[in-house]
Protein backbone atom coordinates (compact mmCIF):
# COMPACT_ATOMS: atom_id res chain seq x y z
CA MET A 1 7.49 -43.65 26.43
CA ARG A 2 9.45 -43.59 23.36
CA ASN A 3 8.95 -39.88 23.13
CA ALA A 4 10.25 -39.36 26.53
CA ILE A 5 13.40 -41.48 25.71
CA ALA A 6 13.86 -39.50 22.63
CA ALA A 7 13.95 -35.99 24.22
CA GLY A 8 16.14 -37.06 26.97
CA LEU A 9 18.44 -38.10 24.12
CA THR A 10 18.23 -35.49 22.53
CA LEU A 11 18.69 -33.19 25.47
CA PHE A 12 21.89 -35.50 26.34
CA LEU A 13 23.66 -34.99 22.80
CA CYS A 14 22.85 -31.28 22.94
CA CYS A 15 24.73 -30.67 25.95
CA ALA A 16 27.29 -32.85 24.88
CA GLY A 17 27.81 -30.72 21.62
CA ILE A 18 27.93 -27.34 23.58
CA ALA A 19 30.74 -28.99 25.91
CA SER A 20 32.97 -29.91 23.07
CA ALA A 21 32.31 -26.43 21.11
CA GLN A 22 33.20 -24.76 24.56
CA THR A 23 35.92 -26.76 26.20
CA ALA A 24 39.50 -27.21 24.80
CA VAL A 25 40.37 -31.23 25.09
CA THR A 26 43.04 -32.27 27.25
CA PRO A 27 45.20 -34.73 27.25
CA ALA A 28 43.23 -38.29 28.40
CA THR A 29 45.75 -38.75 31.45
CA ALA A 30 44.95 -35.30 33.27
CA SER A 31 42.46 -35.28 36.28
CA PRO A 32 39.09 -33.34 36.24
CA PRO A 33 39.67 -30.17 37.88
CA ALA A 34 38.11 -29.30 41.10
CA THR A 35 34.48 -28.28 40.78
CA GLN A 36 34.24 -24.48 39.44
CA PRO A 37 30.96 -22.44 40.22
CA GLY A 38 28.65 -22.28 37.59
CA ARG A 39 29.52 -25.44 36.12
CA PHE A 40 26.84 -28.30 34.86
CA SER A 41 27.16 -31.82 34.63
CA ILE A 42 25.15 -34.64 32.74
CA SER A 43 25.07 -37.95 32.20
CA ALA A 44 23.35 -40.94 30.47
CA GLU A 45 23.75 -44.38 31.57
CA ALA A 46 22.28 -47.63 29.98
CA LEU A 47 21.20 -50.16 32.63
CA LEU A 48 21.10 -53.74 32.92
CA TRP A 49 19.03 -55.04 36.30
CA TRP A 50 17.73 -58.15 37.96
CA PHE A 51 14.70 -58.01 40.37
CA LYS A 52 14.17 -60.18 43.08
CA ASP A 53 11.56 -63.11 41.81
CA SER A 54 7.89 -62.24 42.64
CA PRO A 55 6.43 -64.74 44.64
CA ALA A 56 3.21 -66.75 43.47
CA PRO A 57 2.47 -68.96 46.39
CA VAL A 58 -0.80 -70.28 45.27
CA PRO A 59 -1.58 -73.28 43.14
CA LEU A 60 -3.53 -72.03 40.47
CA VAL A 61 -3.72 -75.38 38.28
CA THR A 62 -3.49 -78.82 39.30
CA ASP A 63 -4.61 -82.44 38.36
CA ASP A 64 -6.28 -83.17 41.86
CA LEU A 65 -6.84 -81.45 44.94
CA VAL A 66 -4.14 -79.94 46.94
CA GLY A 67 -2.79 -82.67 49.59
CA GLN A 68 -3.95 -85.89 47.74
CA PRO A 69 -0.61 -87.95 47.10
CA GLY A 70 0.94 -87.41 43.84
CA THR A 71 -0.76 -84.43 43.04
CA LYS A 72 0.90 -82.40 40.31
CA THR A 73 0.96 -78.48 40.42
CA PHE A 74 1.26 -76.91 36.94
CA LEU A 75 0.67 -73.21 37.32
CA GLY A 76 1.40 -71.34 40.31
CA GLY A 77 2.97 -72.36 43.76
CA GLU A 78 6.48 -70.89 42.23
CA ASP A 79 7.88 -67.53 41.89
CA LEU A 80 8.25 -65.86 38.78
CA ASP A 81 11.39 -64.05 37.40
CA THR A 82 11.41 -61.57 34.47
CA GLY A 83 15.20 -62.01 33.60
CA ALA A 84 17.36 -59.21 32.89
CA ASN A 85 15.79 -56.00 32.74
CA PRO A 86 17.21 -52.95 30.46
CA GLY A 87 16.77 -49.29 31.16
CA PHE A 88 18.31 -46.19 31.48
CA ARG A 89 19.16 -43.27 33.79
CA LEU A 90 19.73 -39.56 33.41
CA THR A 91 21.80 -37.83 35.98
CA ALA A 92 22.63 -33.63 36.01
CA GLY A 93 24.10 -31.41 38.34
CA TYR A 94 25.11 -27.84 38.91
CA ALA A 95 27.86 -26.27 40.95
CA PHE A 96 26.69 -22.97 42.26
CA THR A 97 29.69 -22.87 44.56
CA GLU A 98 33.17 -25.02 44.95
CA ARG A 99 31.48 -26.78 47.95
CA TRP A 100 27.78 -26.27 47.14
CA GLY A 101 25.56 -27.88 44.39
CA VAL A 102 22.39 -29.74 43.19
CA GLU A 103 21.68 -32.90 41.99
CA GLY A 104 19.15 -34.78 40.16
CA SER A 105 18.48 -37.91 38.79
CA TYR A 106 15.63 -39.88 37.08
CA PHE A 107 16.27 -44.24 36.04
CA TYR A 108 13.58 -46.28 34.45
CA ILE A 109 12.97 -49.87 34.10
CA PRO A 110 10.40 -50.66 31.28
CA SER A 111 7.94 -53.04 31.57
CA ARG A 112 8.71 -56.64 30.88
CA SER A 113 6.94 -60.09 31.23
CA THR A 114 7.08 -63.81 31.64
CA SER A 115 4.61 -66.15 31.44
CA ARG A 116 3.76 -70.14 31.67
CA SER A 117 1.04 -72.17 30.41
CA ILE A 118 -1.04 -75.51 30.60
CA SER A 119 -3.74 -77.00 28.26
CA SER A 120 -5.55 -80.45 28.15
CA SER A 121 -7.52 -81.32 25.13
CA GLY A 122 -10.06 -82.57 26.73
CA GLN A 123 -10.23 -86.08 24.98
CA LEU A 124 -10.13 -89.34 26.59
CA GLY A 125 -7.30 -90.18 28.68
CA SER A 126 -6.09 -86.56 28.85
CA THR A 127 -5.65 -85.07 32.13
CA ASP A 128 -8.37 -83.26 33.62
CA LEU A 129 -6.99 -79.84 34.79
CA VAL A 130 -8.41 -78.47 38.27
CA VAL A 131 -8.33 -75.00 39.72
CA PRO A 132 -7.68 -75.58 43.59
CA PHE A 133 -8.97 -73.58 46.28
CA ILE A 134 -10.17 -73.89 50.38
CA ASP A 135 -14.12 -74.02 50.62
CA ALA A 136 -15.19 -71.35 52.97
CA THR A 137 -18.03 -72.96 54.02
CA THR A 138 -16.26 -76.03 54.96
CA GLY A 139 -12.90 -75.10 55.45
CA SER A 140 -11.49 -78.07 53.42
CA GLU A 141 -9.92 -78.48 50.08
CA SER A 142 -12.21 -78.37 46.80
CA GLY A 143 -11.62 -77.91 43.23
CA THR A 144 -13.53 -76.68 40.08
CA GLU A 145 -12.43 -78.15 36.58
CA ILE A 146 -11.23 -76.18 33.84
CA SER A 147 -10.98 -78.87 31.42
CA PHE A 148 -12.91 -82.36 31.74
CA SER A 149 -12.59 -85.63 29.65
CA PRO A 150 -14.52 -86.03 27.24
CA ILE A 151 -17.18 -82.97 27.72
CA TYR A 152 -14.58 -79.87 27.41
CA SER A 153 -10.87 -78.97 27.06
CA GLY A 154 -9.20 -76.54 29.06
CA SER A 155 -5.80 -74.08 29.04
CA ALA A 156 -4.60 -71.42 31.48
CA THR A 157 -1.83 -68.88 31.64
CA GLU A 158 -0.18 -66.91 34.51
CA THR A 159 1.56 -64.19 33.49
CA LEU A 160 3.85 -61.25 35.48
CA SER A 161 4.77 -58.06 34.18
CA ASN A 162 6.58 -55.34 35.93
CA ASN A 163 8.61 -51.95 35.76
CA LEU A 164 10.48 -49.60 37.86
CA MET A 165 11.48 -45.91 38.17
CA GLY A 166 12.68 -43.44 40.31
CA ALA A 167 14.11 -40.36 40.87
CA ASP A 168 15.80 -37.95 43.73
CA LEU A 169 17.04 -34.44 44.12
CA ASN A 170 20.02 -33.63 46.35
CA ALA A 171 21.83 -30.66 47.55
CA THR A 172 25.69 -31.86 47.64
CA TRP A 173 28.52 -30.39 49.77
CA ALA A 174 32.02 -30.86 49.30
CA LEU A 175 33.97 -32.09 52.22
CA SER A 176 37.08 -31.60 49.94
CA ARG A 177 37.95 -29.18 47.35
CA SER A 178 40.93 -30.57 45.11
CA GLY A 179 43.39 -33.22 45.38
CA PRO A 180 43.13 -36.79 43.97
CA LEU A 181 40.29 -37.93 46.78
CA ARG A 182 36.89 -36.15 46.65
CA VAL A 183 34.22 -37.02 49.15
CA ASP A 184 30.59 -35.22 48.98
CA LEU A 185 27.94 -35.52 51.54
CA LEU A 186 24.34 -35.60 49.96
CA GLY A 187 20.67 -34.92 51.36
CA GLY A 188 17.36 -34.33 49.94
CA PHE A 189 13.90 -36.20 48.83
CA ARG A 190 13.59 -39.87 47.13
CA TRP A 191 10.96 -40.94 45.04
CA LEU A 192 10.56 -44.95 43.82
CA ARG A 193 7.98 -46.40 41.96
CA LEU A 194 7.45 -50.26 41.50
CA HIS A 195 4.38 -51.76 39.41
CA GLU A 196 3.50 -55.22 38.93
CA THR A 197 0.36 -57.16 37.21
CA TYR A 198 -0.01 -60.78 37.95
CA THR A 199 -2.75 -62.10 35.73
CA PHE A 200 -4.55 -65.69 35.24
CA THR A 201 -6.48 -66.64 32.24
CA THR A 202 -8.49 -70.00 31.53
CA SER A 203 -10.51 -71.02 28.41
CA SER A 204 -13.01 -73.96 28.85
CA PRO A 205 -14.81 -74.78 25.63
CA PHE A 206 -17.04 -77.51 24.87
CA ILE A 207 -15.45 -80.31 22.44
CA PRO A 208 -17.24 -81.83 19.43
CA PRO A 209 -19.83 -83.33 19.46
CA PHE A 210 -21.26 -80.80 22.02
CA PRO A 211 -21.78 -77.10 20.71
CA GLN A 212 -18.73 -75.00 20.21
CA ASP A 213 -19.02 -72.11 23.00
CA ILE A 214 -17.07 -69.84 24.96
CA TRP A 215 -16.04 -69.67 28.56
CA ASN A 216 -12.73 -67.58 29.42
CA THR A 217 -12.28 -66.42 32.78
CA THR A 218 -9.63 -63.77 34.12
CA ASP A 219 -7.96 -62.91 37.43
CA GLU A 220 -5.90 -59.68 37.63
CA PHE A 221 -3.89 -58.62 40.52
CA ASP A 222 -2.20 -55.23 40.09
CA THR A 223 -0.03 -53.52 42.67
CA ILE A 224 1.73 -50.12 42.87
CA ASN A 225 3.95 -49.13 45.33
CA ASN A 226 5.17 -45.38 45.87
CA PHE A 227 7.57 -44.20 48.09
CA TYR A 228 8.31 -41.06 49.20
CA GLY A 229 10.91 -39.80 51.61
CA ALA A 230 13.83 -37.55 52.90
CA GLN A 231 17.04 -39.18 51.77
CA GLY A 232 20.93 -38.69 53.09
CA GLY A 233 24.42 -40.10 52.06
CA VAL A 234 27.79 -39.87 50.96
CA ARG A 235 29.91 -39.99 47.57
CA ALA A 236 33.83 -40.71 47.01
CA ARG A 237 35.73 -40.26 44.22
CA PHE A 238 39.63 -41.22 43.48
CA ASP A 239 41.68 -40.23 40.56
CA TRP A 240 44.67 -41.66 39.18
CA LYS A 241 46.48 -41.06 35.95
CA GLY A 242 42.91 -40.88 34.11
CA PHE A 243 41.40 -43.56 36.02
CA PHE A 244 38.73 -43.04 38.64
CA THR A 245 37.01 -45.16 41.12
CA SER A 246 33.98 -44.16 42.91
CA ALA A 247 31.59 -45.01 45.39
CA ILE A 248 28.09 -44.10 46.44
CA VAL A 249 25.93 -44.61 50.01
CA LYS A 250 22.29 -43.41 50.10
CA PHE A 251 19.67 -44.13 52.52
CA ALA A 252 15.83 -43.08 52.43
CA MET A 253 13.11 -43.28 55.11
CA GLY A 254 9.63 -42.29 54.46
CA ALA A 255 6.44 -42.81 53.29
CA MET A 256 5.34 -46.25 50.81
CA LYS A 257 1.98 -46.06 49.42
CA GLN A 258 0.74 -49.60 48.45
CA SER A 259 -2.39 -49.96 46.26
CA ALA A 260 -3.50 -53.29 45.23
CA ASN A 261 -6.24 -52.98 42.39
CA ILE A 262 -7.99 -56.65 41.82
CA ASN A 263 -10.57 -57.67 38.70
CA GLY A 264 -12.17 -60.74 37.60
CA SER A 265 -14.37 -61.61 35.00
CA LEU A 266 -16.02 -64.57 33.24
CA VAL A 267 -16.91 -64.04 29.47
CA THR A 268 -19.09 -66.84 27.97
CA ASN A 269 -22.04 -67.30 25.65
CA ASP A 270 -23.40 -70.05 27.59
CA PHE A 271 -26.40 -68.26 28.66
CA THR A 272 -27.46 -66.81 25.33
CA ASN A 273 -27.71 -70.01 23.45
CA PHE A 274 -24.15 -69.77 22.16
CA GLY A 275 -24.75 -66.56 20.60
CA PRO A 276 -23.59 -63.28 21.82
CA THR A 277 -21.48 -63.16 24.68
CA GLN A 278 -21.99 -61.62 28.33
CA THR A 279 -19.53 -60.81 30.81
CA PHE A 280 -20.02 -61.41 34.52
CA SER A 281 -18.02 -60.17 37.47
CA GLY A 282 -15.51 -62.44 38.94
CA GLY A 283 -13.14 -65.04 37.88
CA TYR A 284 -11.75 -67.92 40.19
CA PHE A 285 -9.84 -65.95 42.83
CA ALA A 286 -10.64 -62.27 41.90
CA LEU A 287 -14.54 -62.33 43.27
CA PRO A 288 -16.78 -59.39 44.04
CA THR A 289 -16.12 -59.72 47.77
CA ASN A 290 -12.10 -58.65 46.70
CA ILE A 291 -12.74 -57.17 43.65
CA GLY A 292 -11.68 -53.04 43.82
CA ASN A 293 -8.58 -51.09 44.91
CA HIS A 294 -7.32 -51.29 48.02
CA SER A 295 -4.76 -48.98 49.24
CA ARG A 296 -2.75 -47.86 52.47
CA THR A 297 0.23 -46.14 53.41
CA VAL A 298 2.97 -47.59 55.45
CA PHE A 299 6.77 -46.58 56.71
CA ALA A 300 9.62 -47.98 54.64
CA VAL A 301 13.43 -47.26 54.16
CA VAL A 302 14.93 -47.49 50.72
CA PRO A 303 18.95 -47.82 50.90
CA GLU A 304 21.08 -47.75 47.68
CA ILE A 305 24.84 -48.65 46.97
CA GLY A 306 26.89 -47.84 43.89
CA LEU A 307 30.41 -48.79 42.95
CA ASN A 308 31.59 -47.59 39.63
CA LEU A 309 35.35 -47.68 37.72
CA GLY A 310 35.81 -44.95 35.27
CA TYR A 311 38.17 -43.40 32.76
CA GLN A 312 38.50 -39.73 32.24
CA ILE A 313 38.64 -39.31 28.18
CA THR A 314 39.13 -35.39 28.61
CA SER A 315 38.95 -32.94 31.49
CA TRP A 316 34.95 -32.89 30.75
CA ALA A 317 34.13 -36.49 29.46
CA SER A 318 34.56 -39.72 30.89
CA VAL A 319 33.00 -43.16 30.21
CA SER A 320 32.43 -45.68 33.19
CA VAL A 321 31.16 -48.92 34.20
CA GLY A 322 29.68 -49.99 37.62
CA TYR A 323 27.27 -51.80 39.82
CA THR A 324 23.84 -50.67 41.75
CA LEU A 325 22.01 -52.09 44.50
CA LEU A 326 18.58 -50.67 45.46
CA TYR A 327 16.56 -52.10 48.30
CA THR A 328 13.23 -51.62 49.89
CA ASN A 329 11.73 -53.08 53.08
CA ASN A 330 8.16 -52.93 52.75
CA VAL A 331 6.36 -53.33 49.23
CA ILE A 332 3.02 -55.49 48.22
CA ARG A 333 3.60 -58.11 45.26
CA PRO A 334 0.39 -59.23 43.45
CA GLY A 335 1.04 -62.91 43.93
CA ASN A 336 1.05 -62.44 47.75
CA GLN A 337 -2.49 -60.65 47.56
CA ILE A 338 -4.25 -63.80 46.33
CA ASN A 339 -6.52 -65.23 48.82
CA ARG A 340 -7.53 -68.92 47.87
CA THR A 341 -10.33 -69.53 50.59
CA ILE A 342 -13.25 -69.15 48.04
CA ASN A 343 -16.97 -68.65 48.58
CA THR A 344 -18.13 -70.15 45.14
CA SER A 345 -22.06 -69.10 45.73
CA GLN A 346 -21.11 -65.40 44.49
CA SER A 347 -19.45 -66.67 41.48
CA THR A 348 -21.04 -67.58 37.90
CA ALA A 349 -17.55 -69.02 37.05
CA TYR A 350 -18.14 -71.88 39.87
CA THR A 351 -21.97 -72.19 40.11
CA GLU A 352 -22.68 -71.78 36.35
CA ASP A 353 -25.69 -69.44 37.76
CA PRO A 354 -26.01 -66.24 35.47
CA ALA A 355 -27.46 -64.39 38.54
CA PRO A 356 -25.54 -66.02 41.88
CA GLN A 357 -26.13 -64.45 45.44
CA LEU A 358 -23.43 -64.51 48.08
CA GLN A 359 -24.82 -67.19 50.66
CA GLY A 360 -22.28 -67.27 53.83
CA ALA A 361 -18.65 -65.92 54.38
CA ALA A 362 -17.73 -63.09 52.33
CA GLN A 363 -14.69 -64.70 50.89
CA PRO A 364 -12.31 -64.02 49.73
CA ALA A 365 -11.77 -61.14 51.70
CA PHE A 366 -8.50 -58.83 51.08
CA LYS A 367 -5.60 -58.70 53.35
CA PHE A 368 -2.39 -56.44 52.73
CA LYS A 369 0.61 -59.15 52.64
CA SER A 370 3.85 -56.93 52.52
CA SER A 371 7.35 -58.18 51.77
CA ASP A 372 10.63 -57.01 50.48
CA PHE A 373 12.11 -55.97 47.20
CA TRP A 374 15.60 -55.59 45.49
CA ALA A 375 17.03 -54.80 42.26
CA GLN A 376 20.43 -55.17 41.25
CA GLY A 377 22.61 -54.71 37.92
CA ILE A 378 25.47 -53.62 36.08
CA ASN A 379 25.30 -49.68 34.47
CA VAL A 380 27.71 -48.31 31.32
CA GLY A 381 27.70 -44.40 31.21
CA LEU A 382 29.05 -41.65 29.62
CA ALA A 383 29.51 -38.04 31.42
CA PHE A 384 30.20 -34.47 30.46
CA ARG A 385 31.07 -31.38 32.31
CA PHE A 386 30.98 -28.13 30.91
């Protein structure tokens, strides 16, 4: 990714150099000329965007069974937010005629993570930490301890990471070719990709005088949403004494390919006389009955709006600051894909049996659960035309 960013910045600076070498500087108050055939434009923007919180509705760690009076939830049951997400956007265009042109744009918000943790020493008087679930054989609330005083301590962490990227390619047609107000129609193709990973890890080692051991679990729910669709839109710009305002509205509709990859494991040395570790399939929520890759394609829409205020430094260079809102109505998010109805017979983590066999209902089963998503934030950019 660093190489891609470096290449993009190099291209941007080269284009800026060409523009400054080939185009004479005009007064800062001069309005940009009407679009001329054979002219290129390029812009680079720094982004600072916020995403809609990622849902994590399933209680992961409590101090008692769910539904019991006074039960506290330490992990899970609360949406997660990665905060302000920095990124960049590159846009390039070319004018074939005074009316017709083509424009492409790419943006990337790199991965950011947030996490929460809880631990208990396992000493006398400490709080026992419980992973609550619904027993598939009885339909009632149950739980398994990840710390149990005074035999073993326990700790757990939930982590969310996410990144967002997208690109579009549009033909542009100018409704008006000159004057302070310019209005363009756009039509083309849009791609959008949202990638999120929700991970739940635990550790439950014995405490002295019991032998030191390893008992670590991992549950990972990874989701990728790829949108491919046709797009249309309109853009308007108004210039006044070197300043300009612009607004753009885009609307895309098409196919959203949703993929959920679920993995779970237990790493322990309890079955080798506390020697080499062994890895067993399944954690606490990712078990053999739902582990694997699940995918489907559904219909989705992706509207976008953008507002900008800028200053025309010269006839070929401008700066701007603005706001962008991007929305889609149909994505899968990792926390929503957790099924807490559990058949423990298939899991070493629950049964402490190194060779468990599923008996009864194949739970947890996987079922897609969709929701919407938005990203919004500010952008600061520098643009050149040459």
